[in-house]
Structure formats: structure tokens, C-alpha cells
PDB file of N, CA and C in Angstrom:
ATOM      1  N   MET A   1      25.742  42.604  77.543  1.00  0.00           N
ATOM      2  CA  MET A   1      26.669  43.759  77.831  1.00  0.00           C
ATOM      3  C   MET A   1      26.311  44.455  78.982  1.00  0.00           C
ATOM      4  N   ASP A   2      25.308  44.942  79.183  1.00  0.00           N
ATOM      5  CA  ASP A   2      24.583  46.035  80.482  1.00  0.00           C
ATOM      6  C   ASP A   2      25.194  45.240  81.666  1.00  0.00           C
ATOM      7  N   GLU A   3      25.010  43.857  81.626  1.00  0.00           N
ATOM      8  CA  GLU A   3      25.329  43.146  83.063  1.00  0.00           C
ATOM      9  C   GLU A   3      26.853  42.947  83.077  1.00  0.00           C
ATOM     10  N   LEU A   4      27.826  43.113  82.135  1.00  0.00           N
ATOM     11  CA  LEU A   4      29.092  43.590  82.431  1.00  0.00           C
ATOM     12  C   LEU A   4      29.458  44.826  83.414  1.00  0.00           C
ATOM     13  N   ARG A   5      28.864  45.703  82.570  1.00  0.00           N
ATOM     14  CA  ARG A   5      29.022  47.360  83.053  1.00  0.00           C
ATOM     15  C   ARG A   5      28.404  47.437  84.359  1.00  0.00           C
ATOM     16  N   LEU A   6      27.433  46.568  84.899  1.00  0.00           N
ATOM     17  CA  LEU A   6      27.210  46.600  86.299  1.00  0.00           C
ATOM     18  C   LEU A   6      27.970  46.013  87.221  1.00  0.00           C
ATOM     19  N   ILE A   7      28.399  44.838  86.599  1.00  0.00           N
ATOM     20  CA  ILE A   7      29.810  44.287  87.304  1.00  0.00           C
ATOM     21  C   ILE A   7      30.904  44.961  87.867  1.00  0.00           C
ATOM     22  N   ALA A   8      31.270  45.804  86.803  1.00  0.00           N
ATOM     23  CA  ALA A   8      32.321  46.729  86.762  1.00  0.00           C
ATOM     24  C   ALA A   8      31.905  47.939  87.773  1.00  0.00           C
ATOM     25  N   ASN A   9      30.625  48.276  87.427  1.00  0.00           N
ATOM     26  CA  ASN A   9      30.213  49.612  88.502  1.00  0.00           C
ATOM     27  C   ASN A   9      29.092  48.839  88.988  1.00  0.00           C
ATOM     28  N   PRO A  10      29.368  48.216  90.470  1.00  0.00           N
ATOM     29  CA  PRO A  10      28.274  48.080  91.038  1.00  0.00           C
ATOM     30  C   PRO A  10      27.527  49.126  91.627  1.00  0.00           C
ATOM     31  N   ILE A  11      28.386  50.362  91.510  1.00  0.00           N
ATOM     32  CA  ILE A  11      27.339  51.406  92.487  1.00  0.00           C
ATOM     33  C   ILE A  11      25.928  51.618  91.665  1.00  0.00           C
ATOM     34  N   HIS A  12      26.076  51.196  90.337  1.00  0.00           N
ATOM     35  CA  HIS A  12      24.845  51.333  89.523  1.00  0.00           C
ATOM     36  C   HIS A  12      23.766  50.207  90.092  1.00  0.00           C
ATOM     37  N   LEU A  13      23.990  49.502  91.199  1.00  0.00           N
ATOM     38  CA  LEU A  13      23.081  48.631  91.504  1.00  0.00           C
ATOM     39  C   LEU A  13      21.939  49.077  92.777  1.00  0.00           C
ATOM     40  N   LEU A  14      22.685  50.209  93.245  1.00  0.00           N
ATOM     41  CA  LEU A  14      22.278  50.775  94.219  1.00  0.00           C
ATOM     42  C   LEU A  14      20.447  51.381  93.722  1.00  0.00           C
ATOM     43  N   SER A  15      19.648  51.476  94.551  1.00  0.00           N
ATOM     44  CA  SER A  15      18.496  51.657  94.112  1.00  0.00           C
ATOM     45  C   SER A  15      18.429  53.175  94.041  1.00  0.00           C
ATOM     46  N   SER A  16      17.666  53.897  92.969  1.00  0.00           N
ATOM     47  CA  SER A  16      18.069  55.292  92.938  1.00  0.00           C
ATOM     48  C   SER A  16      17.047  56.134  94.110  1.00  0.00           C
ATOM     49  N   LYS A  17      15.714  55.178  94.187  1.00  0.00           N
ATOM     50  CA  LYS A  17      15.155  55.925  95.392  1.00  0.00           C
ATOM     51  C   LYS A  17      15.741  55.885  96.248  1.00  0.00           C
ATOM     52  N   LYS A  18      16.931  55.547  97.053  1.00  0.00           N
ATOM     53  CA  LYS A  18      17.911  55.731  98.168  1.00  0.00           C
ATOM     54  C   LYS A  18      17.929  56.945  98.208  1.00  0.00           C
ATOM     55  N   GLU A  19      17.393  57.654  99.665  1.00  0.00           N
ATOM     56  CA  GLU A  19      17.769  58.767 100.213  1.00  0.00           C
ATOM     57  C   GLU A  19      19.338  59.336 100.430  1.00  0.00           C
ATOM     58  N   HIS A  20      19.428  60.180  99.950  1.00  0.00           N
ATOM     59  CA  HIS A  20      20.556  60.977 100.356  1.00  0.00           C
ATOM     60  C   HIS A  20      20.826  61.668 101.142  1.00  0.00           C
ATOM     61  N   LYS A  21      21.654  61.940 102.048  1.00  0.00           N
ATOM     62  CA  LYS A  21      21.846  63.048 102.925  1.00  0.00           C
ATOM     63  C   LYS A  21      21.270  64.428 102.192  1.00  0.00           C
ATOM     64  N   ASN A  22      20.920  65.012 102.914  1.00  0.00           N
ATOM     65  CA  ASN A  22      20.157  66.628 102.572  1.00  0.00           C
ATOM     66  C   ASN A  22      21.570  67.373 102.568  1.00  0.00           C
ATOM     67  N   PRO A  23      21.786  68.097 101.684  1.00  0.00           N
ATOM     68  CA  PRO A  23      23.026  68.943 101.351  1.00  0.00           C
ATOM     69  C   PRO A  23      22.816  70.283 101.976  1.00  0.00           C
ATOM     70  N   ASP A  24      21.602  70.626 102.215  1.00  0.00           N
ATOM     71  CA  ASP A  24      21.142  71.854 102.838  1.00  0.00           C
ATOM     72  C   ASP A  24      21.373  71.582 104.391  1.00  0.00           C
ATOM     73  N   ILE A  25      22.518  72.267 104.797  1.00  0.00           N
ATOM     74  CA  ILE A  25      22.705  72.114 106.440  1.00  0.00           C
ATOM     75  C   ILE A  25      22.147  73.514 107.084  1.00  0.00           C
ATOM     76  N   ASP A  26      21.556  73.418 108.151  1.00  0.00           N
ATOM     77  CA  ASP A  26      20.945  74.490 108.894  1.00  0.00           C
ATOM     78  C   ASP A  26      22.218  75.356 109.551  1.00  0.00           C
ATOM     79  N   LEU A  27      22.653  76.383 108.875  1.00  0.00           N
ATOM     80  CA  LEU A  27      23.700  77.018 109.045  1.00  0.00           C
ATOM     81  C   LEU A  27      23.624  77.730 110.027  1.00  0.00           C
ATOM     82  N   THR A  28      22.198  78.358 110.598  1.00  0.00           N
ATOM     83  CA  THR A  28      21.926  78.724 112.002  1.00  0.00           C
ATOM     84  C   THR A  28      22.416  77.859 112.944  1.00  0.00           C
ATOM     85  N   LYS A  29      21.773  76.791 113.274  1.00  0.00           N
ATOM     86  CA  LYS A  29      22.184  75.829 113.858  1.00  0.00           C
ATOM     87  C   LYS A  29      23.447  75.482 114.320  1.00  0.00           C
ATOM     88  N   SER A  30      24.176  75.092 113.127  1.00  0.00           N
ATOM     89  CA  SER A  30      25.454  75.000 113.329  1.00  0.00           C
ATOM     90  C   SER A  30      26.264  75.905 113.802  1.00  0.00           C
ATOM     91  N   VAL A  31      26.335  77.350 113.565  1.00  0.00           N
ATOM     92  CA  VAL A  31      27.003  78.171 114.201  1.00  0.00           C
ATOM     93  C   VAL A  31      26.554  78.458 115.434  1.00  0.00           C
ATOM     94  N   ASN A  32      25.184  78.203 115.821  1.00  0.00           N
ATOM     95  CA  ASN A  32      25.098  78.290 117.109  1.00  0.00           C
ATOM     96  C   ASN A  32      25.617  77.382 118.012  1.00  0.00           C
ATOM     97  N   ASP A  33      25.480  76.172 117.220  1.00  0.00           N
ATOM     98  CA  ASP A  33      26.021  74.881 118.294  1.00  0.00           C
ATOM     99  C   ASP A  33      27.599  75.046 118.284  1.00  0.00           C
ATOM    100  N   SER A  34      28.257  75.672 117.154  1.00  0.00           N
ATOM    101  CA  SER A  34      29.845  75.517 117.237  1.00  0.00           C
ATOM    102  C   SER A  34      30.205  76.734 118.521  1.00  0.00           C
ATOM    103  N   LEU A  35      29.285  77.807 118.337  1.00  0.00           N
ATOM    104  CA  LEU A  35      29.592  78.969 119.424  1.00  0.00           C
ATOM    105  C   LEU A  35      29.364  78.236 121.037  1.00  0.00           C
ATOM    106  N   THR A  36      28.519  77.565 121.147  1.00  0.00           N
ATOM    107  CA  THR A  36      28.336  77.304 122.527  1.00  0.00           C
ATOM    108  C   THR A  36      29.232  76.006 122.720  1.00  0.00           C
ATOM    109  N   THR A  37      29.618  75.337 121.910  1.00  0.00           N
ATOM    110  CA  THR A  37      30.767  74.316 121.979  1.00  0.00           C
ATOM    111  C   THR A  37      32.144  75.152 122.543  1.00  0.00           C
ATOM    112  N   LYS A  38      32.443  76.043 121.538  1.00  0.00           N
ATOM    113  CA  LYS A  38      33.731  76.829 121.746  1.00  0.00           C
ATOM    114  C   LYS A  38      33.620  77.510 123.191  1.00  0.00           C
ATOM    115  N   TYR A  39      32.522  78.354 123.410  1.00  0.00           N
ATOM    116  CA  TYR A  39      32.463  79.083 124.640  1.00  0.00           C
ATOM    117  C   TYR A  39      31.354  78.757 125.356  1.00  0.00           C
ATOM    118  N   LYS A  40      31.846  77.816 126.006  1.00  0.00           N
ATOM    119  CA  LYS A  40      31.145  76.911 127.196  1.00  0.00           C
ATOM    120  C   LYS A  40      30.623  77.996 128.250  1.00  0.00           C
ATOM    121  N   ASN A  41      31.867  78.926 128.720  1.00  0.00           N
ATOM    122  CA  ASN A  41      31.516  79.466 130.234  1.00  0.00           C
ATOM    123  C   ASN A  41      30.800  80.689 129.824  1.00  0.00           C
ATOM    124  N   ILE A  42      30.671  81.112 128.416  1.00  0.00           N
ATOM    125  CA  ILE A  42      29.868  82.525 128.612  1.00  0.00           C
ATOM    126  C   ILE A  42      28.235  82.133 127.873  1.00  0.00           C
ATOM    127  N   TYR A  43      27.432  82.599 128.283  1.00  0.00           N
ATOM    128  CA  TYR A  43      26.332  82.416 128.331  1.00  0.00           C
ATOM    129  C   TYR A  43      25.912  83.902 126.929  1.00  0.00           C
ATOM    130  N   LEU A  44      25.175  83.157 125.713  1.00  0.00           N
ATOM    131  CA  LEU A  44      24.986  83.373 124.697  1.00  0.00           C
ATOM    132  C   LEU A  44      23.353  83.581 124.643  1.00  0.00           C
ATOM    133  N   SER A  45      22.735  84.524 124.464  1.00  0.00           N
ATOM    134  CA  SER A  45      21.489  84.798 124.533  1.00  0.00           C
ATOM    135  C   SER A  45      20.957  84.582 122.931  1.00  0.00           C
ATOM    136  N   ASP A  46      19.673  84.772 122.854  1.00  0.00           N
ATOM    137  CA  ASP A  46      19.287  84.596 121.151  1.00  0.00           C
ATOM    138  C   ASP A  46      19.343  85.960 120.638  1.00  0.00           C
ATOM    139  N   PHE A  47      19.389  87.080 121.432  1.00  0.00           N
ATOM    140  CA  PHE A  47      19.712  88.266 120.758  1.00  0.00           C
ATOM    141  C   PHE A  47      21.296  88.334 120.283  1.00  0.00           C
ATOM    142  N   ASN A  48      22.111  87.492 121.052  1.00  0.00           N
ATOM    143  CA  ASN A  48      23.734  87.326 121.062  1.00  0.00           C
ATOM    144  C   ASN A  48      23.895  86.786 119.636  1.00  0.00           C
ATOM    145  N   PHE A  49      23.155  85.640 119.508  1.00  0.00           N
ATOM    146  CA  PHE A  49      23.325  84.816 118.250  1.00  0.00           C
ATOM    147  C   PHE A  49      22.603  85.759 116.960  1.00  0.00           C
ATOM    148  N   LYS A  50      21.782  86.114 117.150  1.00  0.00           N
ATOM    149  CA  LYS A  50      21.145  87.176 115.915  1.00  0.00           C
ATOM    150  C   LYS A  50      22.239  88.157 115.632  1.00  0.00           C
ATOM    151  N   GLU A  51      22.713  89.019 116.658  1.00  0.00           N
ATOM    152  CA  GLU A  51      23.935  89.827 116.348  1.00  0.00           C
ATOM    153  C   GLU A  51      25.068  88.932 115.798  1.00  0.00           C
ATOM    154  N   ILE A  52      25.415  88.080 116.071  1.00  0.00           N
ATOM    155  CA  ILE A  52      26.600  87.463 115.495  1.00  0.00           C
ATOM    156  C   ILE A  52      26.201  86.888 113.940  1.00  0.00           C
ATOM    157  N   HIS A  53      25.032  86.842 113.755  1.00  0.00           N
ATOM    158  CA  HIS A  53      24.519  86.223 112.495  1.00  0.00           C
ATOM    159  C   HIS A  53      24.576  87.441 111.594  1.00  0.00           C
ATOM    160  N   ILE A  54      24.207  88.465 111.729  1.00  0.00           N
ATOM    161  CA  ILE A  54      24.169  90.020 111.387  1.00  0.00           C
ATOM    162  C   ILE A  54      25.616  90.177 111.031  1.00  0.00           C
ATOM    163  N   LEU A  55      26.489  90.116 112.042  1.00  0.00           N
ATOM    164  CA  LEU A  55      28.019  90.552 111.691  1.00  0.00           C
ATOM    165  C   LEU A  55      28.519  89.502 110.528  1.00  0.00           C
ATOM    166  N   ILE A  56      28.001  88.258 110.573  1.00  0.00           N
ATOM    167  CA  ILE A  56      28.514  87.245 109.763  1.00  0.00           C
ATOM    168  C   ILE A  56      28.016  87.646 108.173  1.00  0.00           C
ATOM    169  N   ASP A  57      26.841  87.902 108.090  1.00  0.00           N
ATOM    170  CA  ASP A  57      25.916  88.594 106.711  1.00  0.00           C
ATOM    171  C   ASP A  57      26.659  89.697 106.319  1.00  0.00           C
ATOM    172  N   ASP A  58      27.054  90.620 107.176  1.00  0.00           N
ATOM    173  CA  ASP A  58      27.728  91.853 106.710  1.00  0.00           C
ATOM    174  C   ASP A  58      29.281  91.699 106.104  1.00  0.00           C
ATOM    175  N   TYR A  59      29.721  90.494 106.883  1.00  0.00           N
ATOM    176  CA  TYR A  59      31.325  90.587 106.571  1.00  0.00           C
ATOM    177  C   TYR A  59      31.250  89.733 105.191  1.00  0.00           C
ATOM    178  N   ILE A  60      30.441  88.993 104.902  1.00  0.00           N
ATOM    179  CA  ILE A  60      30.398  88.221 103.521  1.00  0.00           C
ATOM    180  C   ILE A  60      29.944  89.140 102.442  1.00  0.00           C
ATOM    181  N   ASP A  61      28.963  90.048 102.826  1.00  0.00           N
ATOM    182  CA  ASP A  61      28.705  91.153 101.637  1.00  0.00           C
ATOM    183  C   ASP A  61      29.582  92.026 101.616  1.00  0.00           C
ATOM    184  N   ASP A  62      30.684  92.426 102.556  1.00  0.00           N
ATOM    185  CA  ASP A  62      31.569  93.267 102.034  1.00  0.00           C
ATOM    186  C   ASP A  62      32.753  92.596 101.331  1.00  0.00           C
ATOM    187  N   ILE A  63      32.711  91.281 101.744  1.00  0.00           N
ATOM    188  CA  ILE A  63      33.570  90.339 100.537  1.00  0.00           C
ATOM    189  C   ILE A  63      33.396  90.555  99.349  1.00  0.00           C
ATOM    190  N   LEU A  64      31.920  90.223  99.242  1.00  0.00           N
ATOM    191  CA  LEU A  64      31.423  90.116  97.733  1.00  0.00           C
ATOM    192  C   LEU A  64      31.543  91.498  97.162  1.00  0.00           C
ATOM    193  N   ILE A  65      31.085  92.588  97.764  1.00  0.00           N
ATOM    194  CA  ILE A  65      31.315  93.846  97.096  1.00  0.00           C
ATOM    195  C   ILE A  65      32.825  94.139  96.843  1.00  0.00           C
ATOM    196  N   GLN A  66      33.676  93.803  97.792  1.00  0.00           N
ATOM    197  CA  GLN A  66      35.114  93.996  97.463  1.00  0.00           C
ATOM    198  C   GLN A  66      35.458  93.425  96.416  1.00  0.00           C
ATOM    199  N   ARG A  67      35.074  92.027  95.934  1.00  0.00           N
ATOM    200  CA  ARG A  67      35.377  91.411  94.896  1.00  0.00           C
ATOM    201  C   ARG A  67      34.926  91.777  93.435  1.00  0.00           C
ATOM    202  N   ILE A  68      33.681  92.127  93.649  1.00  0.00           N
ATOM    203  CA  ILE A  68      32.858  93.087  92.314  1.00  0.00           C
ATOM    204  C   ILE A  68      34.079  94.377  92.124  1.00  0.00           C
ATOM    205  N   VAL A  69      34.206  95.068  92.885  1.00  0.00           N
ATOM    206  CA  VAL A  69      34.895  96.489  92.768  1.00  0.00           C
ATOM    207  C   VAL A  69      36.444  96.152  92.377  1.00  0.00           C
ATOM    208  N   ASN A  70      36.989  95.167  92.931  1.00  0.00           N
ATOM    209  CA  ASN A  70      38.253  94.758  92.528  1.00  0.00           C
ATOM    210  C   ASN A  70      38.158  94.103  90.605  1.00  0.00           C
ATOM    211  N   ASP A  71      36.897  93.302  90.311  1.00  0.00           N
ATOM    212  CA  ASP A  71      36.850  92.600  89.080  1.00  0.00           C
ATOM    213  C   ASP A  71      36.867  94.096  88.105  1.00  0.00           C
ATOM    214  N   CYS A  72      35.663  94.731  88.606  1.00  0.00           N
ATOM    215  CA  CYS A  72      35.386  96.010  87.798  1.00  0.00           C
ATOM    216  C   CYS A  72      36.754  97.118  87.534  1.00  0.00           C
ATOM    217  N   VAL A  73      37.461  97.269  88.495  1.00  0.00           N
ATOM    218  CA  VAL A  73      38.613  98.056  88.413  1.00  0.00           C
ATOM    219  C   VAL A  73      39.660  97.295  87.403  1.00  0.00           C
ATOM    220  N   ALA A  74      39.788  96.238  87.750  1.00  0.00           N
ATOM    221  CA  ALA A  74      40.492  95.557  86.795  1.00  0.00           C
ATOM    222  C   ALA A  74      40.303  95.077  85.420  1.00  0.00           C
ATOM    223  N   GLU A  75      39.126  95.183  85.025  1.00  0.00           N
ATOM    224  CA  GLU A  75      38.388  95.017  83.738  1.00  0.00           C
ATOM    225  C   GLU A  75      38.845  96.536  83.136  1.00  0.00           C
ATOM    226  N   LEU A  76      38.243  97.471  84.115  1.00  0.00           N
ATOM    227  CA  LEU A  76      38.512  99.000  83.416  1.00  0.00           C
ATOM    228  C   LEU A  76      40.119  99.475  83.058  1.00  0.00           C
ATOM    229  N   ILE A  77      40.758  98.949  83.843  1.00  0.00           N
ATOM    230  CA  ILE A  77      42.391  99.235  83.427  1.00  0.00           C
ATOM    231  C   ILE A  77      42.847  98.610  82.332  1.00  0.00           C
ATOM    232  N   GLU A  78      42.211  97.014  82.307  1.00  0.00           N
ATOM    233  CA  GLU A  78      42.747  96.385  80.940  1.00  0.00           C
ATOM    234  C   GLU A  78      42.176  96.940  79.701  1.00  0.00           C
ATOM    235  N   LYS A  79      40.862  97.643  79.532  1.00  0.00           N
ATOM    236  CA  LYS A  79      40.388  98.155  78.662  1.00  0.00           C
ATOM    237  C   LYS A  79      41.167  99.634  78.411  1.00  0.00           C
ATOM    238  N   THR A  80      41.482 100.304  79.238  1.00  0.00           N
ATOM    239  CA  THR A  80      42.047 101.174  79.118  1.00  0.00           C
ATOM    240  C   THR A  80      43.429 101.219  78.556  1.00  0.00           C
ATOM    241  N   ILE A  81      44.016 100.313  79.075  1.00  0.00           N
ATOM    242  CA  ILE A  81      45.267  99.838  78.466  1.00  0.00           C
ATOM    243  C   ILE A  81      45.468  99.623  77.154  1.00  0.00           C
ATOM    244  N   GLU A  82      44.579  98.828  76.625  1.00  0.00           N
ATOM    245  CA  GLU A  82      44.215  98.214  75.122  1.00  0.00           C
ATOM    246  C   GLU A  82      43.887  99.479  74.206  1.00  0.00           C
ATOM    247  N   THR A  83      42.965 100.034  74.780  1.00  0.00           N
ATOM    248  CA  THR A  83      42.375 101.005  73.800  1.00  0.00           C
ATOM    249  C   THR A  83      42.896 102.297  74.011  1.00  0.00           C
ATOM    250  N   SER A  84      44.204 102.771  74.840  1.00  0.00           N
ATOM    251  CA  SER A  84      44.452 104.078  74.974  1.00  0.00           C
ATOM    252  C   SER A  84      45.806 103.979  74.223  1.00  0.00           C
ATOM    253  N   ASP A  85      46.043 105.206  73.577  1.00  0.00           N
ATOM    254  CA  ASP A  85      47.610 105.195  72.815  1.00  0.00           C
ATOM    255  C   ASP A  85      48.432 105.730  74.100  1.00  0.00           C
ATOM    256  N   LYS A  86      48.041 106.210  75.124  1.00  0.00           N
ATOM    257  CA  LYS A  86      48.833 106.884  75.918  1.00  0.00           C
ATOM    258  C   LYS A  86      49.740 105.647  76.404  1.00  0.00           C
ATOM    259  N   PHE A  87      49.340 104.426  76.700  1.00  0.00           N
ATOM    260  CA  PHE A  87      50.180 103.511  77.389  1.00  0.00           C
ATOM    261  C   PHE A  87      50.701 102.680  76.385  1.00  0.00           C
ATOM    262  N   ASP A  88      50.974 102.998  75.505  1.00  0.00           N
ATOM    263  CA  ASP A  88      51.892 102.024  74.023  1.00  0.00           C
ATOM    264  C   ASP A  88      53.026 101.792  74.428  1.00  0.00           C
ATOM    265  N   PHE A  89      53.831 102.556  75.497  1.00  0.00           N
ATOM    266  CA  PHE A  89      55.182 102.273  75.859  1.00  0.00           C
ATOM    267  C   PHE A  89      55.072 101.034  76.730  1.00  0.00           C
ATOM    268  N   CYS A  90      54.020 100.739  76.926  1.00  0.00           N
ATOM    269  CA  CYS A  90      53.850  99.271  77.745  1.00  0.00           C
ATOM    270  C   CYS A  90      54.019  97.834  76.725  1.00  0.00           C
ATOM    271  N   LEU A  91      54.110  98.437  75.599  1.00  0.00           N
ATOM    272  CA  LEU A  91      53.725  97.328  74.751  1.00  0.00           C
ATOM    273  C   LEU A  91      55.061  97.044  73.980  1.00  0.00           C
ATOM    274  N   PRO A  92      55.552  95.640  73.778  1.00  0.00           N
ATOM    275  CA  PRO A  92      56.911  95.388  73.608  1.00  0.00           C
ATOM    276  C   PRO A  92      57.463  96.134  72.024  1.00  0.00           C
ATOM    277  N   PHE A  93      58.348  96.464  72.026  1.00  0.00           N
ATOM    278  CA  PHE A  93      58.725  96.723  70.494  1.00  0.00           C
ATOM    279  C   PHE A  93      59.131  95.965  69.550  1.00  0.00           C
ATOM    280  N   ASP A  94      58.791  96.014  68.328  1.00  0.00           N
ATOM    281  CA  ASP A  94      58.890  95.223  67.369  1.00  0.00           C
ATOM    282  C   ASP A  94      60.462  95.275  66.674  1.00  0.00           C
TER     283      ASP A  94
END
């Protein structure tokens, strides 16, 4: 019966030792290559690349902070509405 499964799914015949592409991509190199390709006429030094990476990291940090704050505020609003008697006008009438 296992032979029939292998025929139906030949991918299982592949060796499990086969090396797969490394999913860990060197982000720094990718960004640097992308910038040098896009801005061929501009010289970007190592300092420029470091500053660009710092800006990207700061931007991502700001996005994460904003999402956390939004989630906290939304949760506080929901809890306040659920537990407070002052907002019972928001509930449908029976």
C-alpha cells in the first residue's frame, strides 16, 4: 500500500537529505544591491548604507509601536464599553 502512496505522491521519493535553499536571506546585502541598482548615478558609501538601514529599522519600530498602541487602545475601549453602565445606550433595546 505504501508503494501506491509513493506513486500518487512522487515528491516523497526525493531524498530528505537534499539541501533546500536557505530561507535566511541577507537583508543587508539585498537592500544594498537594490539601492546600487536603482541609483546607479549616485555614489553611496558604507556610512550611507548604515544610515539607510538605521532609518529602515526605526521605521519598522515605529510601525510596531503604533500597532501595539492601537491594539491596546481598542482593547481598552471595548472593555470600557462592556463593563461601564454609562454606555448602555449603545446596546440594542429589548
